Amino acid sequence: MPQLLKHALISLFLFVSYSGTAQTAMRPLEELVNVPQPGWLYVQQLIDYAKNKVEILSCDTARAKEALYKCQVNIHSPMGAVVYGTGGLLIDNGWIRILGSGSNKLDRTLPDWNKEKSLKEFGDQPGFLLIADDAVGGFFALNGGAFGKDMGQVYYLSPDNLKWRPLGQTYFDFLLFCLRGNLNEFYKGFRWTNWEQDVATLDGNQVYTFSPCLWTKDGKDINKNERKVIPVEEQYAINIDSRRQLGLDKKKN
């Protein structure tokens, strides 16, 4: 990546992109859209220098406006740029699904996916915000206080232990990782033989679930596990319920 572009990106995105605050009145769409430096141009340039395969999903204008309004982030931020400019991003044959404003392949908007999971009403400041997930039932979330004092940092709910693990990344860092990071290393032990062909046909609202579960002692060899496709909504509920049963989640989140 050219140094000039790198410095421009850093100067644009070196802040916590999720800056929702508890409020009684939501900011109007015009305020979120009318910014001096829309971020999509820089996100597009970042995608142009991606090392990993990425698919930009097209978005419906009306749906994008509604999703951005519900998110209450402006389009100067990388999250706002992704929500307003895409239906989502599919990384590595769709292994990682970064949420945007929804599309045929990924029919979930970022704000609607979080409703009743991390927030009750749009405009509230949730303890965390789900921003992406993957084909093996892992979930990425932006910390809003539920995971600790490192506000604005990305955490990963790993299917091999059902613990929220800090990645030491902001939303922008997470985008960089998805586009240019070593995903094979990150997902070591999670990818089975011929996973590329299987995942490429997976709908963005589906994930693979495994038996035995990946977090059990008998479930550590993914090539020996039975796997089937289930809705991502069902897998998230399974993960949260399993965390409670294991004593990992005493609070409702």
Protein backbone atom coordinates (compact mmCIF):
# COMPACT_ATOMS: atom_id res chain seq x y z
CA MET A 1 0.00 0.00 0.00
CA PRO A 2 1.50 3.37 -0.99
CA GLN A 3 2.63 5.43 2.01
CA LEU A 4 0.56 8.46 0.98
CA LEU A 5 -2.62 6.39 0.95
CA LYS A 6 -1.65 4.70 4.21
CA HIS A 7 -1.16 8.05 5.96
CA ALA A 8 -4.43 9.38 4.54
CA LEU A 9 -6.31 6.35 5.82
CA ILE A 10 -4.74 6.58 9.24
CA SER A 11 -5.56 10.26 9.56
CA LEU A 12 -9.14 9.59 8.50
CA PHE A 13 -9.87 6.57 10.68
CA LEU A 14 -7.66 6.93 13.78
CA PHE A 15 -10.57 7.30 16.16
CA VAL A 16 -13.25 5.11 17.66
CA SER A 17 -15.71 4.74 14.80
CA TYR A 18 -18.57 3.57 16.96
CA SER A 19 -19.52 6.62 18.97
CA GLY A 20 -23.18 6.09 19.78
CA THR A 21 -24.37 7.76 22.97
CA ALA A 22 -27.44 7.20 25.10
CA GLN A 23 -29.92 9.74 23.86
CA THR A 24 -33.59 10.62 23.79
CA ALA A 25 -33.55 12.01 20.26
CA MET A 26 -31.79 10.47 17.28
CA ARG A 27 -29.76 12.59 14.90
CA PRO A 28 -31.43 13.16 11.51
CA LEU A 29 -30.14 11.34 8.44
CA GLU A 30 -28.98 14.62 6.86
CA GLU A 31 -26.55 15.17 9.73
CA LEU A 32 -25.10 11.69 9.28
CA VAL A 33 -24.72 12.01 5.51
CA ASN A 34 -23.60 15.63 5.10
CA VAL A 35 -19.98 15.37 6.20
CA PRO A 36 -16.92 17.08 4.67
CA GLN A 37 -15.04 13.80 4.04
CA PRO A 38 -17.21 10.78 3.21
CA GLY A 39 -15.26 7.68 4.13
CA TRP A 40 -16.29 5.34 1.32
CA LEU A 41 -13.60 6.55 -1.08
CA TYR A 42 -10.95 5.52 1.41
CA VAL A 43 -12.64 2.21 2.20
CA GLN A 44 -12.75 1.50 -1.55
CA GLN A 45 -9.05 2.27 -1.86
CA LEU A 46 -8.39 -0.05 1.06
CA ILE A 47 -10.32 -2.79 -0.71
CA ASP A 48 -8.33 -2.18 -3.88
CA TYR A 49 -5.16 -3.16 -1.98
CA ALA A 50 -6.72 -6.22 -0.33
CA LYS A 51 -4.74 -9.45 -0.24
CA ASN A 52 -7.73 -11.58 0.65
CA LYS A 53 -10.68 -12.13 -1.65
CA VAL A 54 -13.44 -9.61 -1.01
CA GLU A 55 -16.88 -9.19 -2.53
CA ILE A 56 -18.66 -5.85 -2.17
CA LEU A 57 -22.39 -6.48 -1.96
CA SER A 58 -24.60 -3.93 -3.63
CA CYS A 59 -27.12 -2.07 -1.51
CA ASP A 60 -30.55 -0.57 -1.90
CA THR A 61 -30.44 3.20 -1.38
CA ALA A 62 -33.56 3.40 0.78
CA ARG A 63 -32.43 0.46 2.91
CA ALA A 64 -28.96 1.97 3.30
CA LYS A 65 -30.42 5.26 4.52
CA GLU A 66 -32.63 3.47 7.03
CA ALA A 67 -29.74 1.34 8.31
CA LEU A 68 -27.45 4.34 8.70
CA TYR A 69 -30.13 6.26 10.60
CA LYS A 70 -30.66 3.33 12.95
CA CYS A 71 -26.90 3.01 13.50
CA GLN A 72 -26.50 6.72 14.27
CA VAL A 73 -22.97 6.86 12.86
CA ASN A 74 -21.97 9.27 10.11
CA ILE A 75 -20.48 8.26 6.78
CA HIS A 76 -17.11 9.79 7.66
CA SER A 77 -16.52 6.77 9.91
CA PRO A 78 -15.50 3.42 8.39
CA MET A 79 -18.56 1.72 9.87
CA GLY A 80 -20.87 4.37 8.46
CA ALA A 81 -19.15 4.07 5.08
CA VAL A 82 -19.67 0.31 5.00
CA VAL A 83 -23.29 0.51 6.15
CA TYR A 84 -24.20 3.33 3.77
CA GLY A 85 -22.10 2.18 0.82
CA THR A 86 -22.57 -1.59 0.81
CA GLY A 87 -24.98 -4.37 1.53
CA GLY A 88 -22.06 -5.92 3.37
CA LEU A 89 -18.63 -7.36 2.60
CA LEU A 90 -17.90 -11.05 2.02
CA ILE A 91 -14.30 -11.98 2.82
CA ASP A 92 -12.45 -15.11 1.71
CA ASN A 93 -15.23 -16.77 -0.29
CA GLY A 94 -17.77 -15.58 2.28
CA TRP A 95 -15.98 -17.05 5.29
CA ILE A 96 -16.28 -13.69 7.09
CA ARG A 97 -19.42 -11.58 6.64
CA ILE A 98 -19.04 -7.90 7.56
CA LEU A 99 -22.49 -6.41 8.06
CA GLY A 100 -23.72 -3.43 6.08
CA SER A 101 -27.23 -2.47 4.97
CA GLY A 102 -28.21 -5.91 3.67
CA SER A 103 -28.39 -7.63 0.29
CA ASN A 104 -29.66 -10.82 -1.32
CA LYS A 105 -26.53 -12.71 -0.27
CA LEU A 106 -26.42 -11.22 3.22
CA ASP A 107 -29.97 -10.29 4.10
CA ARG A 108 -29.22 -8.67 7.47
CA THR A 109 -28.56 -5.03 8.26
CA LEU A 110 -26.10 -4.19 11.01
CA PRO A 111 -28.64 -2.35 13.22
CA ASP A 112 -31.49 -4.82 12.72
CA TRP A 113 -29.19 -7.76 13.51
CA ASN A 114 -28.32 -6.15 16.84
CA LYS A 115 -31.94 -5.47 17.84
CA GLU A 116 -32.86 -7.60 20.86
CA LYS A 117 -29.30 -8.92 21.05
CA SER A 118 -27.21 -5.95 22.10
CA LEU A 119 -29.79 -3.14 22.20
CA LYS A 120 -33.45 -2.59 22.90
CA GLU A 121 -34.07 0.61 20.98
CA PHE A 122 -32.23 2.18 18.08
CA GLY A 123 -30.20 5.13 19.28
CA ASP A 124 -29.31 3.55 22.61
CA GLN A 125 -25.71 2.88 23.50
CA PRO A 126 -25.39 -0.92 23.78
CA GLY A 127 -22.76 -2.72 25.79
CA PHE A 128 -21.50 -4.23 22.56
CA LEU A 129 -22.34 -4.09 18.85
CA LEU A 130 -22.21 -7.13 16.58
CA ILE A 131 -20.40 -6.12 13.38
CA ALA A 132 -19.50 -9.38 11.62
CA ASP A 133 -19.54 -13.16 11.88
CA ASP A 134 -18.02 -16.17 10.16
CA ALA A 135 -18.95 -19.49 8.62
CA VAL A 136 -18.09 -21.54 11.72
CA GLY A 137 -20.32 -19.64 14.14
CA GLY A 138 -17.83 -17.09 15.44
CA PHE A 139 -19.03 -13.54 16.10
CA PHE A 140 -17.20 -10.20 16.07
CA ALA A 141 -18.41 -7.35 18.27
CA LEU A 142 -17.36 -3.79 19.03
CA ASN A 143 -17.02 -3.19 22.75
CA GLY A 144 -19.35 -0.56 24.14
CA GLY A 145 -18.44 -1.31 27.76
CA ALA A 146 -19.75 -4.85 28.27
CA PHE A 147 -16.33 -6.44 27.84
CA GLY A 148 -14.18 -3.96 29.74
CA LYS A 149 -12.81 -0.44 29.59
CA ASP A 150 -11.29 -0.75 26.10
CA MET A 151 -14.23 0.96 24.41
CA GLY A 152 -14.32 0.72 20.63
CA GLN A 153 -12.16 -2.42 20.49
CA VAL A 154 -13.21 -5.52 18.58
CA TYR A 155 -13.80 -8.83 20.39
CA TYR A 156 -14.27 -12.30 18.93
CA LEU A 157 -16.67 -14.90 20.34
CA SER A 158 -14.65 -17.98 19.43
CA PRO A 159 -16.51 -21.25 18.75
CA ASP A 160 -13.71 -23.33 20.28
CA ASN A 161 -14.17 -21.94 23.82
CA LEU A 162 -17.20 -19.59 23.67
CA LYS A 163 -15.20 -16.76 25.23
CA TRP A 164 -15.12 -13.16 24.04
CA ARG A 165 -11.46 -12.65 23.10
CA PRO A 166 -10.02 -9.14 22.63
CA LEU A 167 -8.33 -8.69 19.27
CA GLY A 168 -6.65 -5.37 20.04
CA GLN A 169 -8.31 -3.84 16.98
CA THR A 170 -10.56 -0.87 16.28
CA TYR A 171 -13.21 -1.23 13.57
CA PHE A 172 -10.71 0.16 11.06
CA ASP A 173 -8.03 -2.28 12.22
CA PHE A 174 -10.56 -5.08 11.87
CA LEU A 175 -11.26 -4.09 8.27
CA LEU A 176 -7.52 -4.07 7.59
CA PHE A 177 -7.17 -7.51 9.14
CA CYS A 178 -10.03 -8.95 7.09
CA LEU A 179 -8.67 -7.51 3.86
CA ARG A 180 -4.94 -8.01 4.36
CA GLY A 181 -4.42 -10.26 7.38
CA ASN A 182 -3.37 -13.91 7.59
CA LEU A 183 -6.80 -15.53 7.91
CA ASN A 184 -5.42 -19.05 7.65
CA GLU A 185 -3.35 -18.43 10.77
CA PHE A 186 -6.23 -16.82 12.65
CA TYR A 187 -8.54 -19.72 11.77
CA LYS A 188 -6.00 -22.48 12.27
CA GLY A 189 -7.91 -25.61 13.31
CA PHE A 190 -11.24 -24.21 12.09
CA ARG A 191 -10.90 -24.98 8.39
CA TRP A 192 -11.63 -28.44 7.08
CA THR A 193 -10.54 -30.05 3.83
CA ASN A 194 -12.29 -28.40 0.85
CA TRP A 195 -13.83 -25.68 3.04
CA GLU A 196 -13.58 -23.16 0.18
CA GLN A 197 -16.09 -25.00 -2.01
CA ASP A 198 -18.51 -25.55 0.88
CA VAL A 199 -18.43 -21.97 2.17
CA ALA A 200 -18.75 -20.45 -1.30
CA THR A 201 -22.28 -21.89 -1.55
CA LEU A 202 -23.29 -20.80 1.95
CA ASP A 203 -25.93 -18.10 2.32
CA GLY A 204 -24.90 -15.09 4.42
CA ASN A 205 -27.66 -15.91 6.91
CA GLN A 206 -26.30 -19.43 7.48
CA VAL A 207 -23.36 -20.97 9.31
CA TYR A 208 -21.97 -24.43 9.87
CA THR A 209 -22.63 -26.04 13.23
CA PHE A 210 -20.60 -29.01 14.41
CA SER A 211 -21.13 -32.20 16.36
CA PRO A 212 -19.38 -32.64 18.71
CA CYS A 213 -19.30 -28.89 19.44
CA LEU A 214 -15.95 -27.24 18.73
CA TRP A 215 -15.63 -26.14 22.37
CA THR A 216 -15.78 -29.72 23.69
CA LYS A 217 -12.81 -32.04 24.18
CA ASP A 218 -14.08 -34.41 21.50
CA GLY A 219 -14.71 -31.64 18.99
CA LYS A 220 -11.18 -30.39 18.39
CA ASP A 221 -10.54 -32.20 15.07
CA ILE A 222 -12.83 -30.35 12.70
CA ASN A 223 -12.29 -32.86 9.87
CA LYS A 224 -13.80 -35.61 12.05
CA ASN A 225 -16.82 -33.62 13.20
CA GLU A 226 -20.23 -33.85 11.62
CA ARG A 227 -21.33 -30.50 10.28
CA LYS A 228 -24.60 -29.12 9.03
CA VAL A 229 -25.94 -25.77 7.91
CA ILE A 230 -28.21 -23.82 10.28
CA PRO A 231 -29.44 -20.20 10.44
CA VAL A 232 -26.91 -17.78 11.95
CA GLU A 233 -29.66 -16.56 14.31
CA GLU A 234 -29.97 -20.08 15.72
CA GLN A 235 -26.20 -20.43 16.15
CA TYR A 236 -25.94 -17.14 18.01
CA ALA A 237 -28.69 -18.23 20.39
CA ILE A 238 -26.93 -21.57 20.92
CA ASN A 239 -23.66 -19.82 21.71
CA ILE A 240 -25.21 -17.43 24.22
CA ASP A 241 -27.22 -20.19 25.89
CA SER A 242 -24.15 -22.44 26.08
CA ARG A 243 -22.15 -19.61 27.65
CA ARG A 244 -24.76 -19.28 30.38
CA GLN A 245 -24.79 -23.03 31.02
CA LEU A 246 -21.00 -23.02 31.29
CA GLY A 247 -21.09 -20.09 33.70
CA LEU A 248 -19.36 -17.75 31.25
CA ASP A 249 -22.20 -15.27 30.97
CA LYS A 250 -23.88 -14.37 34.22
CA LYS A 251 -25.47 -11.25 32.76
CA LYS A 252 -27.99 -11.23 29.95
CA ASN A 253 -26.34 -9.91 26.78
